[in-house]
């Protein structure tokens, strides 16, 4: 887990959230730009998961491994669920679904970093 990767994920997530919110305000449906943004976000999350799994395999452990692994798996599912839900939502609110999913990811990656850097008592 690196702060630089978490910051990059956060920037992409916030840009996707802004795009989703702008789409909702404009009364439009989501498009390929939204899907590409969610795909980029998921790619960065998979990279982060790969780094974390490699570190875990190398013997590095967070203070609370079950919570860390739960967040790690959960954050990978949020963009996928957001895209699937937004694709079934045929109204302008699909942008809001994407925006909320992106904001959830932005919060969860910082919590993951917190859990990773915490020391056991």
PDB file of N, CA and C in Angstrom:
ATOM      1  N   UNK A   1       0.848  -1.177   0.000  1.00  0.00           N
ATOM      2  CA  UNK A   1       0.000   0.000   0.000  1.00  0.00           C
ATOM      3  C   UNK A   1       0.893   1.240   0.000  1.00  0.00           C
ATOM      4  N   UNK A   2       0.667   2.094  -0.941  1.00  0.00           N
ATOM      5  CA  UNK A   2       1.431   3.328  -1.005  1.00  0.00           C
ATOM      6  C   UNK A   2       0.483   4.524  -1.003  1.00  0.00           C
ATOM      7  N   UNK A   3       0.934   5.574  -0.378  1.00  0.00           N
ATOM      8  CA  UNK A   3       0.137   6.801  -0.315  1.00  0.00           C
ATOM      9  C   UNK A   3      -0.057   7.390  -1.704  1.00  0.00           C
ATOM     10  N   UNK A   4       0.936   7.252  -2.560  1.00  0.00           N
ATOM     11  CA  UNK A   4       0.840   7.810  -3.910  1.00  0.00           C
ATOM     12  C   UNK A   4      -0.280   7.121  -4.697  1.00  0.00           C
ATOM     13  N   UNK A   5      -0.357   5.800  -4.587  1.00  0.00           N
ATOM     14  CA  UNK A   5      -1.414   5.066  -5.288  1.00  0.00           C
ATOM     15  C   UNK A   5      -2.787   5.401  -4.709  1.00  0.00           C
ATOM     16  N   UNK A   6      -2.871   5.521  -3.396  1.00  0.00           N
ATOM     17  CA  UNK A   6      -4.138   5.900  -2.753  1.00  0.00           C
ATOM     18  C   UNK A   6      -4.553   7.294  -3.218  1.00  0.00           C
ATOM     19  N   UNK A   7      -3.602   8.215  -3.326  1.00  0.00           N
ATOM     20  CA  UNK A   7      -3.915   9.566  -3.805  1.00  0.00           C
ATOM     21  C   UNK A   7      -4.385   9.531  -5.258  1.00  0.00           C
ATOM     22  N   UNK A   8      -3.750   8.725  -6.091  1.00  0.00           N
ATOM     23  CA  UNK A   8      -4.156   8.613  -7.495  1.00  0.00           C
ATOM     24  C   UNK A   8      -5.566   8.035  -7.608  1.00  0.00           C
ATOM     25  N   UNK A   9      -5.850   7.025  -6.809  1.00  0.00           N
ATOM     26  CA  UNK A   9      -7.196   6.439  -6.802  1.00  0.00           C
ATOM     27  C   UNK A   9      -8.216   7.481  -6.365  1.00  0.00           C
ATOM     28  N   UNK A  10      -7.870   8.259  -5.363  1.00  0.00           N
ATOM     29  CA  UNK A  10      -8.775   9.291  -4.864  1.00  0.00           C
ATOM     30  C   UNK A  10      -9.053  10.348  -5.924  1.00  0.00           C
ATOM     31  N   UNK A  11      -8.026  10.769  -6.645  1.00  0.00           N
ATOM     32  CA  UNK A  11      -8.210  11.776  -7.701  1.00  0.00           C
ATOM     33  C   UNK A  11      -9.143  11.241  -8.784  1.00  0.00           C
ATOM     34  N   UNK A  12      -8.906  10.011  -9.230  1.00  0.00           N
ATOM     35  CA  UNK A  12      -9.767   9.422 -10.261  1.00  0.00           C
ATOM     36  C   UNK A  12     -11.197   9.277  -9.738  1.00  0.00           C
ATOM     37  N   UNK A  13     -11.337   8.843  -8.486  1.00  0.00           N
ATOM     38  CA  UNK A  13     -12.673   8.668  -7.906  1.00  0.00           C
ATOM     39  C   UNK A  13     -13.404  10.007  -7.802  1.00  0.00           C
ATOM     40  N   UNK A  14     -12.711  11.049  -7.376  1.00  0.00           N
ATOM     41  CA  UNK A  14     -13.352  12.362  -7.251  1.00  0.00           C
ATOM     42  C   UNK A  14     -13.729  12.941  -8.613  1.00  0.00           C
ATOM     43  N   UNK A  15     -12.874  12.737  -9.613  1.00  0.00           N
ATOM     44  CA  UNK A  15     -13.216  13.197 -10.962  1.00  0.00           C
ATOM     45  C   UNK A  15     -14.436  12.450 -11.496  1.00  0.00           C
ATOM     46  N   UNK A  16     -14.500  11.155 -11.243  1.00  0.00           N
ATOM     47  CA  UNK A  16     -15.658  10.369 -11.669  1.00  0.00           C
ATOM     48  C   UNK A  16     -16.916  10.811 -10.925  1.00  0.00           C
ATOM     49  N   UNK A  17     -16.772  11.130  -9.649  1.00  0.00           N
ATOM     50  CA  UNK A  17     -17.921  11.619  -8.874  1.00  0.00           C
ATOM     51  C   UNK A  17     -18.415  12.953  -9.420  1.00  0.00           C
ATOM     52  N   UNK A  18     -17.495  13.840  -9.759  1.00  0.00           N
ATOM     53  CA  UNK A  18     -17.890  15.129 -10.351  1.00  0.00           C
ATOM     54  C   UNK A  18     -18.582  14.929 -11.695  1.00  0.00           C
ATOM     55  N   UNK A  19     -18.054  14.023 -12.494  1.00  0.00           N
ATOM     56  CA  UNK A  19     -18.662  13.737 -13.787  1.00  0.00           C
ATOM     57  C   UNK A  19     -20.072  13.174 -13.615  1.00  0.00           C
ATOM     58  N   UNK A  20     -20.228  12.265 -12.681  1.00  0.00           N
ATOM     59  CA  UNK A  20     -21.546  11.699 -12.416  1.00  0.00           C
ATOM     60  C   UNK A  20     -22.530  12.747 -11.927  1.00  0.00           C
ATOM     61  N   UNK A  21     -22.064  13.608 -11.030  1.00  0.00           N
ATOM     62  CA  UNK A  21     -22.939  14.668 -10.516  1.00  0.00           C
ATOM     63  C   UNK A  21     -23.311  15.656 -11.620  1.00  0.00           C
ATOM     64  N   UNK A  22     -22.349  15.998 -12.462  1.00  0.00           N
ATOM     65  CA  UNK A  22     -22.622  16.919 -13.567  1.00  0.00           C
ATOM     66  C   UNK A  22     -23.637  16.318 -14.540  1.00  0.00           C
ATOM     67  N   UNK A  23     -23.534  15.031 -14.761  1.00  0.00           N
ATOM     68  CA  UNK A  23     -24.476  14.351 -15.645  1.00  0.00           C
ATOM     69  C   UNK A  23     -25.886  14.392 -15.062  1.00  0.00           C
ATOM     70  N   UNK A  24     -25.984  14.185 -13.767  1.00  0.00           N
ATOM     71  CA  UNK A  24     -27.287  14.237 -13.108  1.00  0.00           C
ATOM     72  C   UNK A  24     -27.890  15.641 -13.207  1.00  0.00           C
ATOM     73  N   UNK A  25     -27.089  16.652 -12.908  1.00  0.00           N
ATOM     74  CA  UNK A  25     -27.572  18.034 -12.956  1.00  0.00           C
ATOM     75  C   UNK A  25     -28.012  18.407 -14.376  1.00  0.00           C
ATOM     76  N   UNK A  26     -27.270  17.902 -15.364  1.00  0.00           N
ATOM     77  CA  UNK A  26     -27.617  18.199 -16.761  1.00  0.00           C
ATOM     78  C   UNK A  26     -28.816  17.387 -17.245  1.00  0.00           C
ATOM     79  N   UNK A  27     -29.254  16.421 -16.450  1.00  0.00           N
ATOM     80  CA  UNK A  27     -30.406  15.609 -16.834  1.00  0.00           C
ATOM     81  C   UNK A  27     -30.096  14.602 -17.919  1.00  0.00           C
ATOM     82  N   UNK A  28     -28.852  14.159 -17.983  1.00  0.00           N
ATOM     83  CA  UNK A  28     -28.426  13.234 -19.029  1.00  0.00           C
ATOM     84  C   UNK A  28     -28.187  11.838 -18.467  1.00  0.00           C
ATOM     85  N   UNK A  29     -28.086  10.894 -19.361  1.00  0.00           N
ATOM     86  CA  UNK A  29     -27.711   9.527 -19.001  1.00  0.00           C
ATOM     87  C   UNK A  29     -26.196   9.413 -18.967  1.00  0.00           C
ATOM     88  N   UNK A  30     -25.721   8.331 -18.368  1.00  0.00           N
ATOM     89  CA  UNK A  30     -24.274   8.108 -18.380  1.00  0.00           C
ATOM     90  C   UNK A  30     -23.854   7.612 -19.757  1.00  0.00           C
ATOM     91  N   UNK A  31     -22.567   7.772 -20.057  1.00  0.00           N
ATOM     92  CA  UNK A  31     -22.054   7.353 -21.359  1.00  0.00           C
ATOM     93  C   UNK A  31     -20.760   6.577 -21.224  1.00  0.00           C
ATOM     94  N   UNK A  32     -20.059   6.462 -22.318  1.00  0.00           N
ATOM     95  CA  UNK A  32     -18.805   5.714 -22.333  1.00  0.00           C
ATOM     96  C   UNK A  32     -17.731   6.353 -21.463  1.00  0.00           C
ATOM     97  N   UNK A  33     -17.772   7.668 -21.319  1.00  0.00           N
ATOM     98  CA  UNK A  33     -16.783   8.341 -20.472  1.00  0.00           C
ATOM     99  C   UNK A  33     -16.920   7.864 -19.025  1.00  0.00           C
ATOM    100  N   UNK A  34     -18.137   7.707 -18.575  1.00  0.00           N
ATOM    101  CA  UNK A  34     -18.381   7.223 -17.215  1.00  0.00           C
ATOM    102  C   UNK A  34     -17.856   5.799 -17.052  1.00  0.00           C
ATOM    103  N   UNK A  35     -18.145   4.968 -18.044  1.00  0.00           N
ATOM    104  CA  UNK A  35     -17.703   3.577 -17.982  1.00  0.00           C
ATOM    105  C   UNK A  35     -16.183   3.474 -18.049  1.00  0.00           C
ATOM    106  N   UNK A  36     -15.566   4.316 -18.879  1.00  0.00           N
ATOM    107  CA  UNK A  36     -14.106   4.324 -18.964  1.00  0.00           C
ATOM    108  C   UNK A  36     -13.493   4.789 -17.639  1.00  0.00           C
ATOM    109  N   UNK A  37     -14.098   5.790 -17.030  1.00  0.00           N
ATOM    110  CA  UNK A  37     -13.620   6.270 -15.730  1.00  0.00           C
ATOM    111  C   UNK A  37     -13.741   5.200 -14.658  1.00  0.00           C
ATOM    112  N   UNK A  38     -14.868   4.507 -14.657  1.00  0.00           N
ATOM    113  CA  UNK A  38     -15.052   3.419 -13.689  1.00  0.00           C
ATOM    114  C   UNK A  38     -14.080   2.279 -13.969  1.00  0.00           C
ATOM    115  N   UNK A  39     -13.805   2.020 -15.238  1.00  0.00           N
ATOM    116  CA  UNK A  39     -12.824   0.993 -15.594  1.00  0.00           C
ATOM    117  C   UNK A  39     -11.419   1.356 -15.136  1.00  0.00           C
ATOM    118  N   UNK A  40     -11.053   2.628 -15.316  1.00  0.00           N
ATOM    119  CA  UNK A  40      -9.748   3.098 -14.834  1.00  0.00           C
ATOM    120  C   UNK A  40      -9.662   2.980 -13.318  1.00  0.00           C
ATOM    121  N   UNK A  41     -10.735   3.368 -12.654  1.00  0.00           N
ATOM    122  CA  UNK A  41     -10.774   3.274 -11.197  1.00  0.00           C
ATOM    123  C   UNK A  41     -10.619   1.823 -10.748  1.00  0.00           C
ATOM    124  N   UNK A  42     -11.328   0.917 -11.394  1.00  0.00           N
ATOM    125  CA  UNK A  42     -11.231  -0.503 -11.044  1.00  0.00           C
ATOM    126  C   UNK A  42      -9.827  -1.047 -11.324  1.00  0.00           C
ATOM    127  N   UNK A  43      -9.220  -0.604 -12.419  1.00  0.00           N
ATOM    128  CA  UNK A  43      -7.850  -1.024 -12.726  1.00  0.00           C
ATOM    129  C   UNK A  43      -6.864  -0.593 -11.647  1.00  0.00           C
ATOM    130  N   UNK A  44      -6.991   0.642 -11.179  1.00  0.00           N
ATOM    131  CA  UNK A  44      -6.122   1.130 -10.103  1.00  0.00           C
ATOM    132  C   UNK A  44      -6.366   0.356  -8.808  1.00  0.00           C
ATOM    133  N   UNK A  45      -7.625   0.034  -8.551  1.00  0.00           N
ATOM    134  CA  UNK A  45      -7.950  -0.742  -7.345  1.00  0.00           C
ATOM    135  C   UNK A  45      -7.376  -2.157  -7.431  1.00  0.00           C
ATOM    136  N   UNK A  46      -7.413  -2.750  -8.618  1.00  0.00           N
ATOM    137  CA  UNK A  46      -6.817  -4.081  -8.793  1.00  0.00           C
ATOM    138  C   UNK A  46      -5.299  -4.030  -8.611  1.00  0.00           C
ATOM    139  N   UNK A  47      -4.678  -2.956  -9.091  1.00  0.00           N
ATOM    140  CA  UNK A  47      -3.244  -2.777  -8.866  1.00  0.00           C
ATOM    141  C   UNK A  47      -2.948  -2.678  -7.378  1.00  0.00           C
ATOM    142  N   UNK A  48      -3.736  -1.899  -6.683  1.00  0.00           N
ATOM    143  CA  UNK A  48      -3.562  -1.756  -5.233  1.00  0.00           C
ATOM    144  C   UNK A  48      -3.758  -3.103  -4.538  1.00  0.00           C
ATOM    145  N   UNK A  49      -4.766  -3.852  -4.942  1.00  0.00           N
ATOM    146  CA  UNK A  49      -5.018  -5.160  -4.338  1.00  0.00           C
ATOM    147  C   UNK A  49      -3.856  -6.103  -4.599  1.00  0.00           C
ATOM    148  N   UNK A  50      -3.315  -6.059  -5.803  1.00  0.00           N
ATOM    149  CA  UNK A  50      -2.153  -6.894  -6.125  1.00  0.00           C
ATOM    150  C   UNK A  50      -0.950  -6.564  -5.265  1.00  0.00           C
ATOM    151  N   UNK A  51      -0.709  -5.289  -5.060  1.00  0.00           N
ATOM    152  CA  UNK A  51       0.405  -4.865  -4.199  1.00  0.00           C
ATOM    153  C   UNK A  51       0.175  -5.319  -2.771  1.00  0.00           C
ATOM    154  N   UNK A  52      -1.052  -5.167  -2.297  1.00  0.00           N
ATOM    155  CA  UNK A  52      -1.370  -5.567  -0.921  1.00  0.00           C
ATOM    156  C   UNK A  52      -1.232  -7.076  -0.739  1.00  0.00           C
ATOM    157  N   UNK A  53      -1.722  -7.845  -1.696  1.00  0.00           N
ATOM    158  CA  UNK A  53      -1.621  -9.307  -1.600  1.00  0.00           C
ATOM    159  C   UNK A  53      -0.159  -9.748  -1.652  1.00  0.00           C
ATOM    160  N   UNK A  54       0.632  -9.105  -2.498  1.00  0.00           N
ATOM    161  CA  UNK A  54       2.065  -9.432  -2.556  1.00  0.00           C
ATOM    162  C   UNK A  54       2.749  -9.117  -1.230  1.00  0.00           C
ATOM    163  N   UNK A  55       2.391  -8.000  -0.618  1.00  0.00           N
ATOM    164  CA  UNK A  55       2.976  -7.644   0.681  1.00  0.00           C
ATOM    165  C   UNK A  55       2.536  -8.630   1.760  1.00  0.00           C
ATOM    166  N   UNK A  56       1.266  -9.027   1.715  1.00  0.00           N
ATOM    167  CA  UNK A  56       0.783 -10.013   2.681  1.00  0.00           C
ATOM    168  C   UNK A  56       1.500 -11.348   2.495  1.00  0.00           C
ATOM    169  N   UNK A  57       1.707 -11.744   1.244  1.00  0.00           N
ATOM    170  CA  UNK A  57       2.420 -12.993   0.961  1.00  0.00           C
ATOM    171  C   UNK A  57       3.876 -12.904   1.395  1.00  0.00           C
ATOM    172  N   UNK A  58       4.422 -11.686   1.373  1.00  0.00           N
ATOM    173  CA  UNK A  58       5.803 -11.468   1.800  1.00  0.00           C
ATOM    174  C   UNK A  58       5.974 -11.399   3.304  1.00  0.00           C
ATOM    175  N   UNK A  59       4.875 -11.467   4.047  1.00  0.00           N
ATOM    176  CA  UNK A  59       4.981 -11.486   5.498  1.00  0.00           C
ATOM    177  C   UNK A  59       4.571 -10.206   6.193  1.00  0.00           C
ATOM    178  N   UNK A  60       4.326  -9.148   5.450  1.00  0.00           N
ATOM    179  CA  UNK A  60       3.870  -7.901   6.061  1.00  0.00           C
ATOM    180  C   UNK A  60       2.393  -8.042   6.406  1.00  0.00           C
ATOM    181  N   UNK A  61       2.052  -7.677   7.627  1.00  0.00           N
ATOM    182  CA  UNK A  61       0.669  -7.824   8.079  1.00  0.00           C
ATOM    183  C   UNK A  61       0.169  -6.519   8.696  1.00  0.00           C
ATOM    184  N   UNK A  62      -1.083  -6.146   8.382  1.00  0.00           N
ATOM    185  CA  UNK A  62      -1.690  -5.016   9.095  1.00  0.00           C
ATOM    186  C   UNK A  62      -2.072  -5.470  10.502  1.00  0.00           C
ATOM    187  N   UNK A  63      -2.405  -4.514  11.358  1.00  0.00           N
ATOM    188  CA  UNK A  63      -2.759  -4.842  12.745  1.00  0.00           C
ATOM    189  C   UNK A  63      -4.031  -5.680  12.826  1.00  0.00           C
ATOM    190  N   UNK A  64      -4.979  -5.448  11.914  1.00  0.00           N
ATOM    191  CA  UNK A  64      -6.257  -6.162  11.920  1.00  0.00           C
ATOM    192  C   UNK A  64      -6.504  -6.773  10.535  1.00  0.00           C
ATOM    193  N   UNK A  65      -5.894  -7.931  10.252  1.00  0.00           N
ATOM    194  CA  UNK A  65      -6.005  -8.517   8.909  1.00  0.00           C
ATOM    195  C   UNK A  65      -7.432  -8.804   8.438  1.00  0.00           C
ATOM    196  N   UNK A  66      -8.342  -9.323   9.269  1.00  0.00           N
ATOM    197  CA  UNK A  66      -9.696  -9.570   8.751  1.00  0.00           C
ATOM    198  C   UNK A  66     -10.413  -8.298   8.274  1.00  0.00           C
ATOM    199  N   UNK A  67     -10.276  -7.228   9.024  1.00  0.00           N
ATOM    200  CA  UNK A  67     -10.906  -5.965   8.620  1.00  0.00           C
ATOM    201  C   UNK A  67     -10.261  -5.438   7.352  1.00  0.00           C
ATOM    202  N   UNK A  68      -8.936  -5.518   7.284  1.00  0.00           N
ATOM    203  CA  UNK A  68      -8.226  -5.058   6.096  1.00  0.00           C
ATOM    204  C   UNK A  68      -8.670  -5.829   4.859  1.00  0.00           C
ATOM    205  N   UNK A  69      -8.719  -7.141   4.963  1.00  0.00           N
ATOM    206  CA  UNK A  69      -9.116  -7.957   3.814  1.00  0.00           C
ATOM    207  C   UNK A  69     -10.570  -7.706   3.418  1.00  0.00           C
ATOM    208  N   UNK A  70     -11.429  -7.465   4.407  1.00  0.00           N
ATOM    209  CA  UNK A  70     -12.827  -7.144   4.107  1.00  0.00           C
ATOM    210  C   UNK A  70     -12.937  -5.835   3.322  1.00  0.00           C
ATOM    211  N   UNK A  71     -12.202  -4.832   3.745  1.00  0.00           N
ATOM    212  CA  UNK A  71     -12.195  -3.563   3.018  1.00  0.00           C
ATOM    213  C   UNK A  71     -11.604  -3.745   1.626  1.00  0.00           C
ATOM    214  N   UNK A  72     -10.535  -4.521   1.519  1.00  0.00           N
ATOM    215  CA  UNK A  72      -9.866  -4.728   0.241  1.00  0.00           C
ATOM    216  C   UNK A  72     -10.798  -5.396  -0.764  1.00  0.00           C
ATOM    217  N   UNK A  73     -11.524  -6.409  -0.334  1.00  0.00           N
ATOM    218  CA  UNK A  73     -12.476  -7.083  -1.216  1.00  0.00           C
ATOM    219  C   UNK A  73     -13.667  -6.167  -1.512  1.00  0.00           C
ATOM    220  N   UNK A  74     -14.157  -5.488  -0.485  1.00  0.00           N
ATOM    221  CA  UNK A  74     -15.313  -4.608  -0.654  1.00  0.00           C
ATOM    222  C   UNK A  74     -15.055  -3.467  -1.617  1.00  0.00           C
ATOM    223  N   UNK A  75     -13.890  -2.857  -1.518  1.00  0.00           N
ATOM    224  CA  UNK A  75     -13.602  -1.707  -2.379  1.00  0.00           C
ATOM    225  C   UNK A  75     -13.484  -2.139  -3.844  1.00  0.00           C
ATOM    226  N   UNK A  76     -13.109  -3.379  -4.083  1.00  0.00           N
ATOM    227  CA  UNK A  76     -13.059  -3.878  -5.456  1.00  0.00           C
ATOM    228  C   UNK A  76     -14.453  -4.068  -6.045  1.00  0.00           C
ATOM    229  N   UNK A  77     -15.428  -4.339  -5.191  1.00  0.00           N
ATOM    230  CA  UNK A  77     -16.787  -4.605  -5.657  1.00  0.00           C
ATOM    231  C   UNK A  77     -17.615  -3.338  -5.871  1.00  0.00           C
ATOM    232  N   UNK A  78     -17.264  -2.257  -5.201  1.00  0.00           N
ATOM    233  CA  UNK A  78     -18.084  -1.032  -5.256  1.00  0.00           C
ATOM    234  C   UNK A  78     -18.185  -0.448  -6.674  1.00  0.00           C
ATOM    235  N   UNK A  79     -17.078  -0.254  -7.401  1.00  0.00           N
ATOM    236  CA  UNK A  79     -17.240   0.301  -8.757  1.00  0.00           C
ATOM    237  C   UNK A  79     -18.027  -0.623  -9.685  1.00  0.00           C
ATOM    238  N   UNK A  80     -17.823  -1.917  -9.551  1.00  0.00           N
ATOM    239  CA  UNK A  80     -18.552  -2.875 -10.384  1.00  0.00           C
ATOM    240  C   UNK A  80     -20.047  -2.783 -10.085  1.00  0.00           C
ATOM    241  N   UNK A  81     -20.393  -2.774  -8.799  1.00  0.00           N
ATOM    242  CA  UNK A  81     -21.806  -2.659  -8.418  1.00  0.00           C
ATOM    243  C   UNK A  81     -22.393  -1.330  -8.889  1.00  0.00           C
ATOM    244  N   UNK A  82     -21.614  -0.258  -8.774  1.00  0.00           N
ATOM    245  CA  UNK A  82     -22.089   1.050  -9.218  1.00  0.00           C
ATOM    246  C   UNK A  82     -22.367   1.090 -10.712  1.00  0.00           C
ATOM    247  N   UNK A  83     -21.487   0.501 -11.490  1.00  0.00           N
ATOM    248  CA  UNK A  83     -21.687   0.474 -12.941  1.00  0.00           C
ATOM    249  C   UNK A  83     -22.895  -0.388 -13.294  1.00  0.00           C
ATOM    250  N   UNK A  84     -22.991  -1.562 -12.690  1.00  0.00           N
ATOM    251  CA  UNK A  84     -24.130  -2.433 -12.986  1.00  0.00           C
ATOM    252  C   UNK A  84     -25.456  -1.768 -12.622  1.00  0.00           C
ATOM    253  N   UNK A  85     -25.486  -1.132 -11.472  1.00  0.00           N
ATOM    254  CA  UNK A  85     -26.704  -0.454 -11.049  1.00  0.00           C
ATOM    255  C   UNK A  85     -27.022   0.717 -11.975  1.00  0.00           C
ATOM    256  N   UNK A  86     -26.013   1.495 -12.314  1.00  0.00           N
ATOM    257  CA  UNK A  86     -26.247   2.665 -13.165  1.00  0.00           C
ATOM    258  C   UNK A  86     -26.676   2.263 -14.571  1.00  0.00           C
ATOM    259  N   UNK A  87     -26.237   1.109 -15.039  1.00  0.00           N
ATOM    260  CA  UNK A  87     -26.651   0.644 -16.373  1.00  0.00           C
ATOM    261  C   UNK A  87     -28.118   0.211 -16.384  1.00  0.00           C
ATOM    262  N   UNK A  88     -28.626  -0.218 -15.239  1.00  0.00           N
ATOM    263  CA  UNK A  88     -30.034  -0.595 -15.180  1.00  0.00           C
ATOM    264  C   UNK A  88     -30.927   0.606 -14.902  1.00  0.00           C
ATOM    265  N   UNK A  89     -30.340   1.682 -14.396  1.00  0.00           N
ATOM    266  CA  UNK A  89     -31.082   2.920 -14.099  1.00  0.00           C
ATOM    267  C   UNK A  89     -31.120   3.760 -15.376  1.00  0.00           C
ATOM    268  N   UNK A  90     -32.247   3.761 -16.043  1.00  0.00           N
ATOM    269  CA  UNK A  90     -32.363   4.419 -17.350  1.00  0.00           C
ATOM    270  C   UNK A  90     -32.755   5.885 -17.258  1.00  0.00           C
ATOM    271  N   UNK A  91     -32.612   6.489 -16.092  1.00  0.00           N
ATOM    272  CA  UNK A  91     -32.948   7.897 -15.937  1.00  0.00           C
ATOM    273  C   UNK A  91     -31.678   8.692 -15.698  1.00  0.00           C
ATOM    274  N   UNK A  92     -31.844   9.963 -15.455  1.00  0.00           N
ATOM    275  CA  UNK A  92     -30.690  10.819 -15.193  1.00  0.00           C
ATOM    276  C   UNK A  92     -29.997  10.476 -13.881  1.00  0.00           C
ATOM    277  N   UNK A  93     -30.641   9.698 -13.006  1.00  0.00           N
ATOM    278  CA  UNK A  93     -30.075   9.379 -11.705  1.00  0.00           C
ATOM    279  C   UNK A  93     -28.946   8.363 -11.781  1.00  0.00           C
ATOM    280  N   UNK A  94     -28.698   7.810 -12.938  1.00  0.00           N
ATOM    281  CA  UNK A  94     -27.574   6.887 -13.101  1.00  0.00           C
ATOM    282  C   UNK A  94     -26.248   7.588 -12.784  1.00  0.00           C
ATOM    283  N   UNK A  95     -26.155   8.864 -13.110  1.00  0.00           N
ATOM    284  CA  UNK A  95     -24.952   9.628 -12.789  1.00  0.00           C
ATOM    285  C   UNK A  95     -24.737   9.741 -11.289  1.00  0.00           C
ATOM    286  N   UNK A  96     -25.821   9.857 -10.549  1.00  0.00           N
ATOM    287  CA  UNK A  96     -25.724   9.916  -9.093  1.00  0.00           C
ATOM    288  C   UNK A  96     -25.237   8.590  -8.527  1.00  0.00           C
ATOM    289  N   UNK A  97     -25.696   7.495  -9.111  1.00  0.00           N
ATOM    290  CA  UNK A  97     -25.234   6.174  -8.659  1.00  0.00           C
ATOM    291  C   UNK A  97     -23.729   6.055  -8.851  1.00  0.00           C
ATOM    292  N   UNK A  98     -23.233   6.464 -10.007  1.00  0.00           N
ATOM    293  CA  UNK A  98     -21.789   6.431 -10.276  1.00  0.00           C
ATOM    294  C   UNK A  98     -21.049   7.354  -9.307  1.00  0.00           C
ATOM    295  N   UNK A  99     -21.604   8.535  -9.070  1.00  0.00           N
ATOM    296  CA  UNK A  99     -20.961   9.503  -8.173  1.00  0.00           C
ATOM    297  C   UNK A  99     -20.854   8.955  -6.752  1.00  0.00           C
ATOM    298  N   UNK A 100     -21.917   8.361  -6.266  1.00  0.00           N
ATOM    299  CA  UNK A 100     -21.902   7.813  -4.903  1.00  0.00           C
ATOM    300  C   UNK A 100     -20.904   6.657  -4.806  1.00  0.00           C
ATOM    301  N   UNK A 101     -20.894   5.785  -5.797  1.00  0.00           N
ATOM    302  CA  UNK A 101     -19.940   4.669  -5.793  1.00  0.00           C
ATOM    303  C   UNK A 101     -18.503   5.194  -5.779  1.00  0.00           C
ATOM    304  N   UNK A 102     -18.234   6.208  -6.559  1.00  0.00           N
ATOM    305  CA  UNK A 102     -16.884   6.778  -6.607  1.00  0.00           C
ATOM    306  C   UNK A 102     -16.497   7.411  -5.270  1.00  0.00           C
ATOM    307  N   UNK A 103     -17.432   8.102  -4.639  1.00  0.00           N
ATOM    308  CA  UNK A 103     -17.144   8.705  -3.334  1.00  0.00           C
ATOM    309  C   UNK A 103     -16.912   7.639  -2.263  1.00  0.00           C
ATOM    310  N   UNK A 104     -17.657   6.553  -2.339  1.00  0.00           N
ATOM    311  CA  UNK A 104     -17.440   5.444  -1.404  1.00  0.00           C
ATOM    312  C   UNK A 104     -16.034   4.880  -1.572  1.00  0.00           C
ATOM    313  N   UNK A 105     -15.595   4.723  -2.807  1.00  0.00           N
ATOM    314  CA  UNK A 105     -14.235   4.224  -3.063  1.00  0.00           C
ATOM    315  C   UNK A 105     -13.202   5.183  -2.495  1.00  0.00           C
ATOM    316  N   UNK A 106     -13.407   6.482  -2.699  1.00  0.00           N
ATOM    317  CA  UNK A 106     -12.447   7.471  -2.197  1.00  0.00           C
ATOM    318  C   UNK A 106     -12.279   7.369  -0.681  1.00  0.00           C
ATOM    319  N   UNK A 107     -13.368   7.144   0.023  1.00  0.00           N
ATOM    320  CA  UNK A 107     -13.291   7.009   1.482  1.00  0.00           C
ATOM    321  C   UNK A 107     -12.657   5.675   1.873  1.00  0.00           C
ATOM    322  N   UNK A 108     -13.065   4.622   1.192  1.00  0.00           N
ATOM    323  CA  UNK A 108     -12.587   3.283   1.566  1.00  0.00           C
ATOM    324  C   UNK A 108     -11.084   3.100   1.362  1.00  0.00           C
ATOM    325  N   UNK A 109     -10.514   3.714   0.314  1.00  0.00           N
ATOM    326  CA  UNK A 109      -9.072   3.526   0.102  1.00  0.00           C
ATOM    327  C   UNK A 109      -8.256   4.212   1.188  1.00  0.00           C
ATOM    328  N   UNK A 110      -8.743   5.342   1.691  1.00  0.00           N
ATOM    329  CA  UNK A 110      -8.025   5.997   2.788  1.00  0.00           C
ATOM    330  C   UNK A 110      -8.150   5.184   4.083  1.00  0.00           C
ATOM    331  N   UNK A 111      -9.298   4.568   4.275  1.00  0.00           N
ATOM    332  CA  UNK A 111      -9.465   3.680   5.440  1.00  0.00           C
ATOM    333  C   UNK A 111      -8.562   2.464   5.299  1.00  0.00           C
ATOM    334  N   UNK A 112      -8.422   1.936   4.103  1.00  0.00           N
ATOM    335  CA  UNK A 112      -7.500   0.821   3.866  1.00  0.00           C
ATOM    336  C   UNK A 112      -6.070   1.218   4.232  1.00  0.00           C
ATOM    337  N   UNK A 113      -5.667   2.410   3.815  1.00  0.00           N
ATOM    338  CA  UNK A 113      -4.330   2.882   4.147  1.00  0.00           C
ATOM    339  C   UNK A 113      -4.149   3.018   5.643  1.00  0.00           C
ATOM    340  N   UNK A 114      -5.179   3.532   6.320  1.00  0.00           N
ATOM    341  CA  UNK A 114      -5.146   3.631   7.790  1.00  0.00           C
ATOM    342  C   UNK A 114      -4.956   2.265   8.416  1.00  0.00           C
ATOM    343  N   UNK A 115      -5.737   1.298   7.964  1.00  0.00           N
ATOM    344  CA  UNK A 115      -5.639  -0.054   8.505  1.00  0.00           C
ATOM    345  C   UNK A 115      -4.265  -0.662   8.225  1.00  0.00           C
ATOM    346  N   UNK A 116      -3.709  -0.390   7.056  1.00  0.00           N
ATOM    347  CA  UNK A 116      -2.414  -0.951   6.692  1.00  0.00           C
ATOM    348  C   UNK A 116      -1.296  -0.366   7.562  1.00  0.00           C
ATOM    349  N   UNK A 117      -1.379   0.916   7.830  1.00  0.00           N
ATOM    350  CA  UNK A 117      -0.312   1.588   8.576  1.00  0.00           C
ATOM    351  C   UNK A 117      -0.462   1.475  10.098  1.00  0.00           C
ATOM    352  N   UNK A 118      -1.608   0.978  10.566  1.00  0.00           N
ATOM    353  CA  UNK A 118      -1.828   0.848  12.012  1.00  0.00           C
ATOM    354  C   UNK A 118      -0.889  -0.211  12.589  1.00  0.00           C
ATOM    355  N   UNK A 119      -0.467   0.046  13.781  1.00  0.00           N
ATOM    356  CA  UNK A 119       0.387  -0.927  14.453  1.00  0.00           C
ATOM    357  C   UNK A 119      -0.424  -1.712  15.471  1.00  0.00           C
ATOM    358  N   UNK A 120      -0.109  -2.968  15.603  1.00  0.00           N
ATOM    359  CA  UNK A 120      -0.808  -3.812  16.570  1.00  0.00           C
ATOM    360  C   UNK A 120      -0.437  -3.423  17.997  1.00  0.00           C
ATOM    361  N   UNK A 121      -1.376  -3.567  18.883  1.00  0.00           N
ATOM    362  CA  UNK A 121      -1.150  -3.212  20.297  1.00  0.00           C
ATOM    363  C   UNK A 121      -0.742  -4.432  21.071  1.00  0.00           C
TER     364      UNK A 121
END
